[in-house]
């Protein structure tokens, strides 16, 4: 069973930036699709950024142009660079892993398509 550990959350003012990081255990990280999701109070968890093992990326419209997902296979890590943060970005952010390659997929993979999850890291954006 893979373990995912997120870090990098915190409190930031609107317009600021944060970088979230997720470290995965296991020797086959390079084979997985990795993603970031978030859950705001009273709302369902939503997928926001995904990167496949071949480097294809997908973003939710709400973060496109502001957030960037990347991976370092040598370090078993996936990062989420978040710029121009808004109060509505306040949520718990989760790292997730999927065995699916999503070949030919034209839309953002959904939360239900990921099987392993981290514990989450809180991001709070003040206005």
Foldseek 3Di string as FASTA:
>chain_A
DKAKAKDWADEEAAQAKTKMKIAIDDDVLLQKKKFKWWDDPPGDIWTAWIAASVGDIAGDPVQPPFKDWDDDNVRRMIMIIGGRDDQVVWTWMKMFIANDRCPPPDHDDTPVRTDDIYPTDTHGYHD
